[in-house]
C-alpha atoms as a PDB file:
ATOM      1  CA  UNK A   1     -83.391  96.842  49.496  1.00  0.00           C
ATOM      2  CA  UNK A   2     -79.660  97.054  48.837  1.00  0.00           C
ATOM      3  CA  UNK A   3     -77.616  93.915  49.640  1.00  0.00           C
ATOM      4  CA  UNK A   4     -75.326  93.876  52.675  1.00  0.00           C
ATOM      5  CA  UNK A   5     -71.717  92.755  52.271  1.00  0.00           C
ATOM      6  CA  UNK A   6     -70.006  91.086  55.235  1.00  0.00           C
ATOM      7  CA  UNK A   7     -66.219  90.976  55.229  1.00  0.00           C
ATOM      8  CA  UNK A   8     -63.249  91.092  57.627  1.00  0.00           C
ATOM      9  CA  UNK A   9     -62.297  94.592  58.681  1.00  0.00           C
ATOM     10  CA  UNK A  10     -59.008  95.987  57.371  1.00  0.00           C
ATOM     11  CA  UNK A  11     -56.634  98.723  58.428  1.00  0.00           C
ATOM     12  CA  UNK A  12     -58.021 101.108  55.816  1.00  0.00           C
ATOM     13  CA  UNK A  13     -61.339 101.024  57.723  1.00  0.00           C
ATOM     14  CA  UNK A  14     -59.780 102.579  60.848  1.00  0.00           C
ATOM     15  CA  UNK A  15     -61.082 106.120  60.288  1.00  0.00           C
ATOM     16  CA  UNK A  16     -64.615 105.002  59.474  1.00  0.00           C
ATOM     17  CA  UNK A  17     -64.579 102.642  62.452  1.00  0.00           C
ATOM     18  CA  UNK A  18     -63.644 105.443  64.852  1.00  0.00           C
ATOM     19  CA  UNK A  19     -66.444 107.624  63.449  1.00  0.00           C
ATOM     20  CA  UNK A  20     -68.976 104.807  63.815  1.00  0.00           C
ATOM     21  CA  UNK A  21     -67.995 104.217  67.439  1.00  0.00           C
ATOM     22  CA  UNK A  22     -67.958 107.896  68.403  1.00  0.00           C
ATOM     23  CA  UNK A  23     -71.071 109.148  66.657  1.00  0.00           C
ATOM     24  CA  UNK A  24     -73.627 106.344  66.555  1.00  0.00           C
ATOM     25  CA  UNK A  25     -76.139 105.581  69.312  1.00  0.00           C
ATOM     26  CA  UNK A  26     -76.079 101.781  69.283  1.00  0.00           C
ATOM     27  CA  UNK A  27     -72.540 100.936  70.368  1.00  0.00           C
ATOM     28  CA  UNK A  28     -71.477  98.154  72.728  1.00  0.00           C
ATOM     29  CA  UNK A  29     -67.849  98.278  73.916  1.00  0.00           C
ATOM     30  CA  UNK A  30     -66.416  95.688  76.243  1.00  0.00           C
ATOM     31  CA  UNK A  31     -65.112  97.013  79.556  1.00  0.00           C
ATOM     32  CA  UNK A  32     -61.389  96.427  79.276  1.00  0.00           C
ATOM     33  CA  UNK A  33     -58.166  98.289  78.536  1.00  0.00           C
ATOM     34  CA  UNK A  34     -58.244  97.836  74.783  1.00  0.00           C
ATOM     35  CA  UNK A  35     -59.341 100.393  72.235  1.00  0.00           C
ATOM     36  CA  UNK A  36     -61.642  98.788  69.639  1.00  0.00           C
ATOM     37  CA  UNK A  37     -59.121  99.565  66.923  1.00  0.00           C
ATOM     38  CA  UNK A  38     -56.616  97.325  68.749  1.00  0.00           C
ATOM     39  CA  UNK A  39     -58.547  94.338  67.421  1.00  0.00           C
ATOM     40  CA  UNK A  40     -58.075  95.150  63.736  1.00  0.00           C
ATOM     41  CA  UNK A  41     -56.229  92.145  62.325  1.00  0.00           C
ATOM     42  CA  UNK A  42     -57.757  89.711  64.823  1.00  0.00           C
ATOM     43  CA  UNK A  43     -60.452  87.175  63.871  1.00  0.00           C
ATOM     44  CA  UNK A  44     -63.379  87.514  63.910  1.00  0.00           C
ATOM     45  CA  UNK A  45     -63.670  91.258  63.409  1.00  0.00           C
ATOM     46  CA  UNK A  46     -66.331  91.826  60.776  1.00  0.00           C
ATOM     47  CA  UNK A  47     -67.727  94.858  59.006  1.00  0.00           C
ATOM     48  CA  UNK A  48     -71.130  95.100  57.309  1.00  0.00           C
ATOM     49  CA  UNK A  49     -71.261  97.428  54.303  1.00  0.00           C
ATOM     50  CA  UNK A  50     -74.125  98.658  52.159  1.00  0.00           C
ATOM     51  CA  UNK A  51     -73.371 100.568  48.975  1.00  0.00           C
ATOM     52  CA  UNK A  52     -69.808 100.952  50.190  1.00  0.00           C
ATOM     53  CA  UNK A  53     -70.837 102.484  53.525  1.00  0.00           C
ATOM     54  CA  UNK A  54     -69.888 100.913  56.857  1.00  0.00           C
ATOM     55  CA  UNK A  55     -73.168 100.245  58.660  1.00  0.00           C
ATOM     56  CA  UNK A  56     -72.166  97.822  61.439  1.00  0.00           C
ATOM     57  CA  UNK A  57     -69.188  96.031  62.993  1.00  0.00           C
ATOM     58  CA  UNK A  58     -68.756  93.037  65.288  1.00  0.00           C
ATOM     59  CA  UNK A  59     -65.523  91.989  67.009  1.00  0.00           C
ATOM     60  CA  UNK A  60     -65.218  88.893  69.213  1.00  0.00           C
ATOM     61  CA  UNK A  61     -61.712  87.450  68.807  1.00  0.00           C
ATOM     62  CA  UNK A  62     -60.637  84.846  71.372  1.00  0.00           C
ATOM     63  CA  UNK A  63     -57.917  86.426  73.494  1.00  0.00           C
ATOM     64  CA  UNK A  64     -56.760  84.395  75.240  1.00  0.00           C
ATOM     65  CA  UNK A  65     -58.239  81.334  73.549  1.00  0.00           C
ATOM     66  CA  UNK A  66     -60.650  79.608  74.258  1.00  0.00           C
ATOM     67  CA  UNK A  67     -62.483  82.646  75.685  1.00  0.00           C
ATOM     68  CA  UNK A  68     -64.000  85.169  73.269  1.00  0.00           C
ATOM     69  CA  UNK A  69     -65.588  88.314  74.674  1.00  0.00           C
ATOM     70  CA  UNK A  70     -67.747  90.418  72.400  1.00  0.00           C
ATOM     71  CA  UNK A  71     -65.383  93.377  72.283  1.00  0.00           C
ATOM     72  CA  UNK A  72     -67.402  95.601  69.970  1.00  0.00           C
ATOM     73  CA  UNK A  73     -70.810  95.704  68.332  1.00  0.00           C
ATOM     74  CA  UNK A  74     -71.711  99.017  66.710  1.00  0.00           C
ATOM     75  CA  UNK A  75     -74.544  99.860  64.349  1.00  0.00           C
ATOM     76  CA  UNK A  76     -75.283 102.858  62.127  1.00  0.00           C
ATOM     77  CA  UNK A  77     -78.739 104.406  61.739  1.00  0.00           C
ATOM     78  CA  UNK A  78     -79.744 102.941  58.330  1.00  0.00           C
ATOM     79  CA  UNK A  79     -79.995  99.459  59.869  1.00  0.00           C
ATOM     80  CA  UNK A  80     -81.543  98.171  63.090  1.00  0.00           C
ATOM     81  CA  UNK A  81     -79.286  96.554  65.700  1.00  0.00           C
ATOM     82  CA  UNK A  82     -81.354  93.366  65.430  1.00  0.00           C
ATOM     83  CA  UNK A  83     -80.835  93.072  61.681  1.00  0.00           C
ATOM     84  CA  UNK A  84     -77.146  93.965  61.949  1.00  0.00           C
ATOM     85  CA  UNK A  85     -76.715  91.184  64.501  1.00  0.00           C
ATOM     86  CA  UNK A  86     -78.552  88.680  62.283  1.00  0.00           C
ATOM     87  CA  UNK A  87     -76.167  89.522  59.457  1.00  0.00           C
ATOM     88  CA  UNK A  88     -72.924  89.498  61.453  1.00  0.00           C
ATOM     89  CA  UNK A  89     -73.337  86.934  64.229  1.00  0.00           C
ATOM     90  CA  UNK A  90     -73.655  83.760  62.046  1.00  0.00           C
ATOM     91  CA  UNK A  91     -70.512  84.744  60.137  1.00  0.00           C
ATOM     92  CA  UNK A  92     -68.641  85.366  63.406  1.00  0.00           C
ATOM     93  CA  UNK A  93     -69.745  81.959  64.720  1.00  0.00           C
ATOM     94  CA  UNK A  94     -68.500  80.283  61.552  1.00  0.00           C
ATOM     95  CA  UNK A  95     -65.099  81.930  61.934  1.00  0.00           C
ATOM     96  CA  UNK A  96     -64.914  80.971  65.614  1.00  0.00           C
ATOM     97  CA  UNK A  97     -65.683  77.356  64.721  1.00  0.00           C
ATOM     98  CA  UNK A  98     -62.512  77.239  62.615  1.00  0.00           C
ATOM     99  CA  UNK A  99     -60.297  77.491  65.716  1.00  0.00           C
ATOM    100  CA  UNK A 100     -58.738  74.225  66.886  1.00  0.00           C
ATOM    101  CA  UNK A 101     -60.350  74.892  70.280  1.00  0.00           C
ATOM    102  CA  UNK A 102     -63.762  76.406  69.601  1.00  0.00           C
ATOM    103  CA  UNK A 103     -64.081  79.369  71.975  1.00  0.00           C
ATOM    104  CA  UNK A 104     -66.883  80.016  74.423  1.00  0.00           C
ATOM    105  CA  UNK A 105     -68.332  83.478  73.825  1.00  0.00           C
ATOM    106  CA  UNK A 106     -69.079  85.921  76.648  1.00  0.00           C
ATOM    107  CA  UNK A 107     -70.596  89.377  76.702  1.00  0.00           C
ATOM    108  CA  UNK A 108     -71.270  91.986  79.359  1.00  0.00           C
ATOM    109  CA  UNK A 109     -74.002  94.261  77.968  1.00  0.00           C
ATOM    110  CA  UNK A 110     -74.322  97.723  79.480  1.00  0.00           C
ATOM    111  CA  UNK A 111     -77.507  98.565  77.543  1.00  0.00           C
ATOM    112  CA  UNK A 112     -80.914  96.907  77.415  1.00  0.00           C
ATOM    113  CA  UNK A 113     -81.034  96.910  73.600  1.00  0.00           C
ATOM    114  CA  UNK A 114     -77.948  94.687  73.411  1.00  0.00           C
ATOM    115  CA  UNK A 115     -79.071  92.517  76.300  1.00  0.00           C
ATOM    116  CA  UNK A 116     -82.311  91.783  74.427  1.00  0.00           C
ATOM    117  CA  UNK A 117     -80.357  90.771  71.328  1.00  0.00           C
ATOM    118  CA  UNK A 118     -78.176  88.384  73.343  1.00  0.00           C
ATOM    119  CA  UNK A 119     -81.156  86.778  75.077  1.00  0.00           C
ATOM    120  CA  UNK A 120     -82.855  86.218  71.716  1.00  0.00           C
ATOM    121  CA  UNK A 121     -79.685  84.580  70.345  1.00  0.00           C
ATOM    122  CA  UNK A 122     -79.280  81.854  72.958  1.00  0.00           C
ATOM    123  CA  UNK A 123     -76.988  83.644  75.404  1.00  0.00           C
ATOM    124  CA  UNK A 124     -77.725  83.083  79.106  1.00  0.00           C
ATOM    125  CA  UNK A 125     -76.622  84.882  82.289  1.00  0.00           C
ATOM    126  CA  UNK A 126     -73.868  83.056  84.177  1.00  0.00           C
ATOM    127  CA  UNK A 127     -72.574  85.794  86.484  1.00  0.00           C
ATOM    128  CA  UNK A 128     -72.965  89.409  87.568  1.00  0.00           C
ATOM    129  CA  UNK A 129     -70.376  92.090  88.188  1.00  0.00           C
ATOM    130  CA  UNK A 130     -71.047  94.574  90.989  1.00  0.00           C
ATOM    131  CA  UNK A 131     -69.705  98.119  91.384  1.00  0.00           C
ATOM    132  CA  UNK A 132     -68.351  99.137  94.793  1.00  0.00           C
ATOM    133  CA  UNK A 133     -67.130 102.559  95.913  1.00  0.00           C
ATOM    134  CA  UNK A 134     -64.886 103.838  98.706  1.00  0.00           C
ATOM    135  CA  UNK A 135     -65.507 107.472  99.666  1.00  0.00           C
ATOM    136  CA  UNK A 136     -62.122 108.981 100.448  1.00  0.00           C
ATOM    137  CA  UNK A 137     -61.726 109.196 104.214  1.00  0.00           C
ATOM    138  CA  UNK A 138     -59.730 107.552 106.962  1.00  0.00           C
ATOM    139  CA  UNK A 139     -57.316 104.979 105.655  1.00  0.00           C
ATOM    140  CA  UNK A 140     -57.588 101.451 107.054  1.00  0.00           C
ATOM    141  CA  UNK A 141     -54.499 100.085 108.781  1.00  0.00           C
ATOM    142  CA  UNK A 142     -52.375  97.647 106.864  1.00  0.00           C
ATOM    143  CA  UNK A 143     -51.805  94.146 108.206  1.00  0.00           C
ATOM    144  CA  UNK A 144     -48.245  93.519 109.359  1.00  0.00           C
ATOM    145  CA  UNK A 145     -46.404  91.158 107.026  1.00  0.00           C
ATOM    146  CA  UNK A 146     -42.640  91.584 106.992  1.00  0.00           C
ATOM    147  CA  UNK A 147     -42.202  88.873 104.378  1.00  0.00           C
ATOM    148  CA  UNK A 148     -44.096  90.872 101.744  1.00  0.00           C
ATOM    149  CA  UNK A 149     -43.033  94.225 100.253  1.00  0.00           C
ATOM    150  CA  UNK A 150     -45.262  96.398  98.055  1.00  0.00           C
ATOM    151  CA  UNK A 151     -43.554  98.441  95.352  1.00  0.00           C
ATOM    152  CA  UNK A 152     -44.354 100.082  92.027  1.00  0.00           C
ATOM    153  CA  UNK A 153     -44.702  97.668  89.138  1.00  0.00           C
ATOM    154  CA  UNK A 154     -42.038  97.675  86.422  1.00  0.00           C
ATOM    155  CA  UNK A 155     -42.366  96.422  82.869  1.00  0.00           C
ATOM    156  CA  UNK A 156     -39.974  93.582  83.651  1.00  0.00           C
ATOM    157  CA  UNK A 157     -42.556  92.298  86.194  1.00  0.00           C
ATOM    158  CA  UNK A 158     -45.183  91.560  83.543  1.00  0.00           C
ATOM    159  CA  UNK A 159     -44.236  87.914  82.977  1.00  0.00           C
ATOM    160  CA  UNK A 160     -44.548  87.255  86.714  1.00  0.00           C
ATOM    161  CA  UNK A 161     -47.768  89.290  86.843  1.00  0.00           C
ATOM    162  CA  UNK A 162     -49.229  87.184  84.028  1.00  0.00           C
ATOM    163  CA  UNK A 163     -48.362  84.037  85.989  1.00  0.00           C
ATOM    164  CA  UNK A 164     -50.150  85.392  89.084  1.00  0.00           C
ATOM    165  CA  UNK A 165     -53.155  86.386  86.970  1.00  0.00           C
ATOM    166  CA  UNK A 166     -53.442  82.926  85.421  1.00  0.00           C
ATOM    167  CA  UNK A 167     -53.231  81.229  88.809  1.00  0.00           C
ATOM    168  CA  UNK A 168     -55.689  83.553  90.536  1.00  0.00           C
ATOM    169  CA  UNK A 169     -58.538  83.636  88.003  1.00  0.00           C
ATOM    170  CA  UNK A 170     -60.693  81.164  86.116  1.00  0.00           C
ATOM    171  CA  UNK A 171     -60.216  81.264  82.301  1.00  0.00           C
ATOM    172  CA  UNK A 172     -63.116  83.656  81.699  1.00  0.00           C
ATOM    173  CA  UNK A 173     -61.405  86.392  83.740  1.00  0.00           C
ATOM    174  CA  UNK A 174     -57.763  85.771  82.840  1.00  0.00           C
ATOM    175  CA  UNK A 175     -55.750  88.392  80.968  1.00  0.00           C
ATOM    176  CA  UNK A 176     -53.107  87.653  78.368  1.00  0.00           C
ATOM    177  CA  UNK A 177     -49.653  89.186  78.447  1.00  0.00           C
ATOM    178  CA  UNK A 178     -50.753  91.578  75.676  1.00  0.00           C
ATOM    179  CA  UNK A 179     -53.707  92.832  77.724  1.00  0.00           C
ATOM    180  CA  UNK A 180     -51.628  93.204  80.884  1.00  0.00           C
ATOM    181  CA  UNK A 181     -48.979  95.136  78.963  1.00  0.00           C
ATOM    182  CA  UNK A 182     -51.622  97.564  77.661  1.00  0.00           C
ATOM    183  CA  UNK A 183     -53.079  97.864  81.166  1.00  0.00           C
ATOM    184  CA  UNK A 184     -49.670  98.576  82.680  1.00  0.00           C
ATOM    185  CA  UNK A 185     -48.897 101.291  80.145  1.00  0.00           C
ATOM    186  CA  UNK A 186     -52.264 102.943  80.692  1.00  0.00           C
ATOM    187  CA  UNK A 187     -52.279 102.648  84.480  1.00  0.00           C
ATOM    188  CA  UNK A 188     -52.047 105.605  86.814  1.00  0.00           C
ATOM    189  CA  UNK A 189     -50.941 103.353  89.701  1.00  0.00           C
ATOM    190  CA  UNK A 190     -49.627  99.800  89.299  1.00  0.00           C
ATOM    191  CA  UNK A 191     -47.992  97.928  92.167  1.00  0.00           C
ATOM    192  CA  UNK A 192     -46.800  94.433  93.020  1.00  0.00           C
ATOM    193  CA  UNK A 193     -46.537  92.496  96.265  1.00  0.00           C
ATOM    194  CA  UNK A 194     -43.197  90.738  96.399  1.00  0.00           C
ATOM    195  CA  UNK A 195     -41.768  88.041  98.648  1.00  0.00           C
ATOM    196  CA  UNK A 196     -38.378  86.343  98.584  1.00  0.00           C
ATOM    197  CA  UNK A 197     -39.912  83.967  96.018  1.00  0.00           C
ATOM    198  CA  UNK A 198     -40.858  86.822  93.664  1.00  0.00           C
ATOM    199  CA  UNK A 199     -44.111  88.565  92.741  1.00  0.00           C
ATOM    200  CA  UNK A 200     -47.096  87.036  94.551  1.00  0.00           C
ATOM    201  CA  UNK A 201     -49.744  89.704  93.931  1.00  0.00           C
ATOM    202  CA  UNK A 202     -50.451  92.864  91.981  1.00  0.00           C
ATOM    203  CA  UNK A 203     -52.942  95.623  91.333  1.00  0.00           C
ATOM    204  CA  UNK A 204     -53.489  97.959  88.375  1.00  0.00           C
ATOM    205  CA  UNK A 205     -55.540 101.137  88.780  1.00  0.00           C
ATOM    206  CA  UNK A 206     -56.801 103.859  86.475  1.00  0.00           C
ATOM    207  CA  UNK A 207     -58.382 107.307  86.675  1.00  0.00           C
ATOM    208  CA  UNK A 208     -62.101 107.813  86.007  1.00  0.00           C
ATOM    209  CA  UNK A 209     -64.521 110.731  86.134  1.00  0.00           C
ATOM    210  CA  UNK A 210     -65.340 109.716  89.719  1.00  0.00           C
ATOM    211  CA  UNK A 211     -61.711 109.565  90.851  1.00  0.00           C
ATOM    212  CA  UNK A 212     -59.676 106.350  91.044  1.00  0.00           C
ATOM    213  CA  UNK A 213     -60.602 102.861  89.903  1.00  0.00           C
ATOM    214  CA  UNK A 214     -58.944  99.599  90.951  1.00  0.00           C
ATOM    215  CA  UNK A 215     -59.116  97.817  87.618  1.00  0.00           C
ATOM    216  CA  UNK A 216     -57.337  94.604  88.609  1.00  0.00           C
ATOM    217  CA  UNK A 217     -56.254  92.894  91.816  1.00  0.00           C
ATOM    218  CA  UNK A 218     -54.842  89.393  92.094  1.00  0.00           C
ATOM    219  CA  UNK A 219     -52.943  87.300  94.631  1.00  0.00           C
ATOM    220  CA  UNK A 220     -51.437  83.821  94.130  1.00  0.00           C
ATOM    221  CA  UNK A 221     -53.840  81.228  95.565  1.00  0.00           C
ATOM    222  CA  UNK A 222     -51.157  79.587  97.722  1.00  0.00           C
ATOM    223  CA  UNK A 223     -50.591  82.814  99.699  1.00  0.00           C
ATOM    224  CA  UNK A 224     -54.161  84.094  99.848  1.00  0.00           C
ATOM    225  CA  UNK A 225     -55.592  84.757 103.303  1.00  0.00           C
ATOM    226  CA  UNK A 226     -52.375  86.360 104.561  1.00  0.00           C
ATOM    227  CA  UNK A 227     -53.386  89.976 104.113  1.00  0.00           C
ATOM    228  CA  UNK A 228     -51.585  90.522 100.804  1.00  0.00           C
ATOM    229  CA  UNK A 229     -54.644  91.573  98.835  1.00  0.00           C
ATOM    230  CA  UNK A 230     -55.821  93.717 101.738  1.00  0.00           C
ATOM    231  CA  UNK A 231     -52.456  95.492 101.938  1.00  0.00           C
ATOM    232  CA  UNK A 232     -52.358  96.057  98.169  1.00  0.00           C
ATOM    233  CA  UNK A 233     -55.752  97.772  98.429  1.00  0.00           C
ATOM    234  CA  UNK A 234     -54.725  99.858 101.460  1.00  0.00           C
ATOM    235  CA  UNK A 235     -51.558 100.926  99.659  1.00  0.00           C
ATOM    236  CA  UNK A 236     -53.306 102.032  96.478  1.00  0.00           C
ATOM    237  CA  UNK A 237     -55.962 103.918  98.477  1.00  0.00           C
ATOM    238  CA  UNK A 238     -53.177 105.873 100.174  1.00  0.00           C
ATOM    239  CA  UNK A 239     -51.592 106.647  96.822  1.00  0.00           C
ATOM    240  CA  UNK A 240     -54.932 107.835  95.422  1.00  0.00           C
ATOM    241  CA  UNK A 241     -55.498 110.086  98.430  1.00  0.00           C
ATOM    242  CA  UNK A 242     -52.098 111.647  97.849  1.00  0.00           C
ATOM    243  CA  UNK A 243     -53.283 112.466  94.334  1.00  0.00           C
ATOM    244  CA  UNK A 244     -56.466 114.093  95.646  1.00  0.00           C
ATOM    245  CA  UNK A 245     -58.959 111.415  94.535  1.00  0.00           C
ATOM    246  CA  UNK A 246     -62.305 111.757  96.303  1.00  0.00           C
ATOM    247  CA  UNK A 247     -63.860 108.410  95.378  1.00  0.00           C
ATOM    248  CA  UNK A 248     -62.276 105.079  94.473  1.00  0.00           C
ATOM    249  CA  UNK A 249     -64.297 102.395  92.717  1.00  0.00           C
ATOM    250  CA  UNK A 250     -63.849  98.720  91.906  1.00  0.00           C
ATOM    251  CA  UNK A 251     -65.787  96.012  90.058  1.00  0.00           C
ATOM    252  CA  UNK A 252     -65.937  92.389  91.121  1.00  0.00           C
ATOM    253  CA  UNK A 253     -68.124  89.350  90.537  1.00  0.00           C
ATOM    254  CA  UNK A 254     -70.948  89.024  93.054  1.00  0.00           C
ATOM    255  CA  UNK A 255     -69.914  85.415  93.755  1.00  0.00           C
ATOM    256  CA  UNK A 256     -66.242  86.270  94.362  1.00  0.00           C
ATOM    257  CA  UNK A 257     -66.440  86.157  98.138  1.00  0.00           C
ATOM    258  CA  UNK A 258     -62.682  86.534  98.660  1.00  0.00           C
ATOM    259  CA  UNK A 259     -62.562  89.846  96.783  1.00  0.00           C
ATOM    260  CA  UNK A 260     -65.811  91.118  98.287  1.00  0.00           C
ATOM    261  CA  UNK A 261     -64.502  90.370 101.783  1.00  0.00           C
ATOM    262  CA  UNK A 262     -61.329  92.402 101.185  1.00  0.00           C
ATOM    263  CA  UNK A 263     -63.158  95.407  99.750  1.00  0.00           C
ATOM    264  CA  UNK A 264     -65.888  95.407 102.377  1.00  0.00           C
ATOM    265  CA  UNK A 265     -63.331  95.122 105.194  1.00  0.00           C
ATOM    266  CA  UNK A 266     -61.503  98.150 103.807  1.00  0.00           C
ATOM    267  CA  UNK A 267     -64.766 100.097 103.672  1.00  0.00           C
ATOM    268  CA  UNK A 268     -66.033  99.779 100.112  1.00  0.00           C
ATOM    269  CA  UNK A 269     -69.806  99.855  99.762  1.00  0.00           C
ATOM    270  CA  UNK A 270     -71.987  98.342  97.061  1.00  0.00           C
ATOM    271  CA  UNK A 271     -73.411 101.076  94.817  1.00  0.00           C
ATOM    272  CA  UNK A 272     -76.271  98.867  93.587  1.00  0.00           C
ATOM    273  CA  UNK A 273     -74.932  99.026  90.031  1.00  0.00           C
ATOM    274  CA  UNK A 274     -74.539  95.581  88.434  1.00  0.00           C
ATOM    275  CA  UNK A 275     -73.676  94.256  84.993  1.00  0.00           C
ATOM    276  CA  UNK A 276     -74.856  90.811  83.814  1.00  0.00           C
ATOM    277  CA  UNK A 277     -72.364  88.428  82.241  1.00  0.00           C
ATOM    278  CA  UNK A 278     -73.796  86.377  79.361  1.00  0.00           C
ATOM    279  CA  UNK A 279     -72.385  83.183  77.864  1.00  0.00           C
ATOM    280  CA  UNK A 280     -72.947  81.447  74.538  1.00  0.00           C
ATOM    281  CA  UNK A 281     -71.855  77.823  74.418  1.00  0.00           C
ATOM    282  CA  UNK A 282     -70.579  76.593  71.039  1.00  0.00           C
ATOM    283  CA  UNK A 283     -72.443  73.655  69.529  1.00  0.00           C
END
């Protein structure tokens, strides 16, 4: 059996990486706004090679630290996913341990084969993310709030948006400025809720095969419960209807009662589709 070389991925691997992701069967990609190639240059992002051929990759850089999602795990046919993981995961853990704050690793597997690998490696389920859908129909009425205006997001809002995001979410779900910038540039509809004190809420939405998708919604904790999140949702539904979207979807944690209450009040229904969230605690 030929030896397997593990090394950090480099820019010259970009073409082979894209081919591996697009043409192999065993590919896990994290559900976020980043392309896997965005993580080239971040650590750890490892490639396994055999006789000079790329056979597997694993990317789990902490961003923002100390949270590291498994962003990519892809395996080529000559090697089993289980063996590829055994080769790559210990090296990734060693690199993660070199950070001044050792990150906690999370993963949201969409396939049973990867879920089995995580369970066998000491990962445990700590949360679940549910999919909800709103069939385009009658728009709900917005709640009157003259102190809050909803407008399209501008790039200059991103610093304030990052501040809202950090205040509204626990570390596992927070987005860095880099991620929010990528999300903003790729959004089909991005809006902010603004008071005289500045931006107090925002939403970022994308287009999917089903129609529209509310990818992110956040409101500052000190003004939650005043209809701001509800109005942001109502506003983006109206904008999607103007674009002809037939179905709008959203994902949220099953224990996030505040978000679930907003979406259910507006008329979103649970589709029954759920994704487990796994965590690996560093030793």
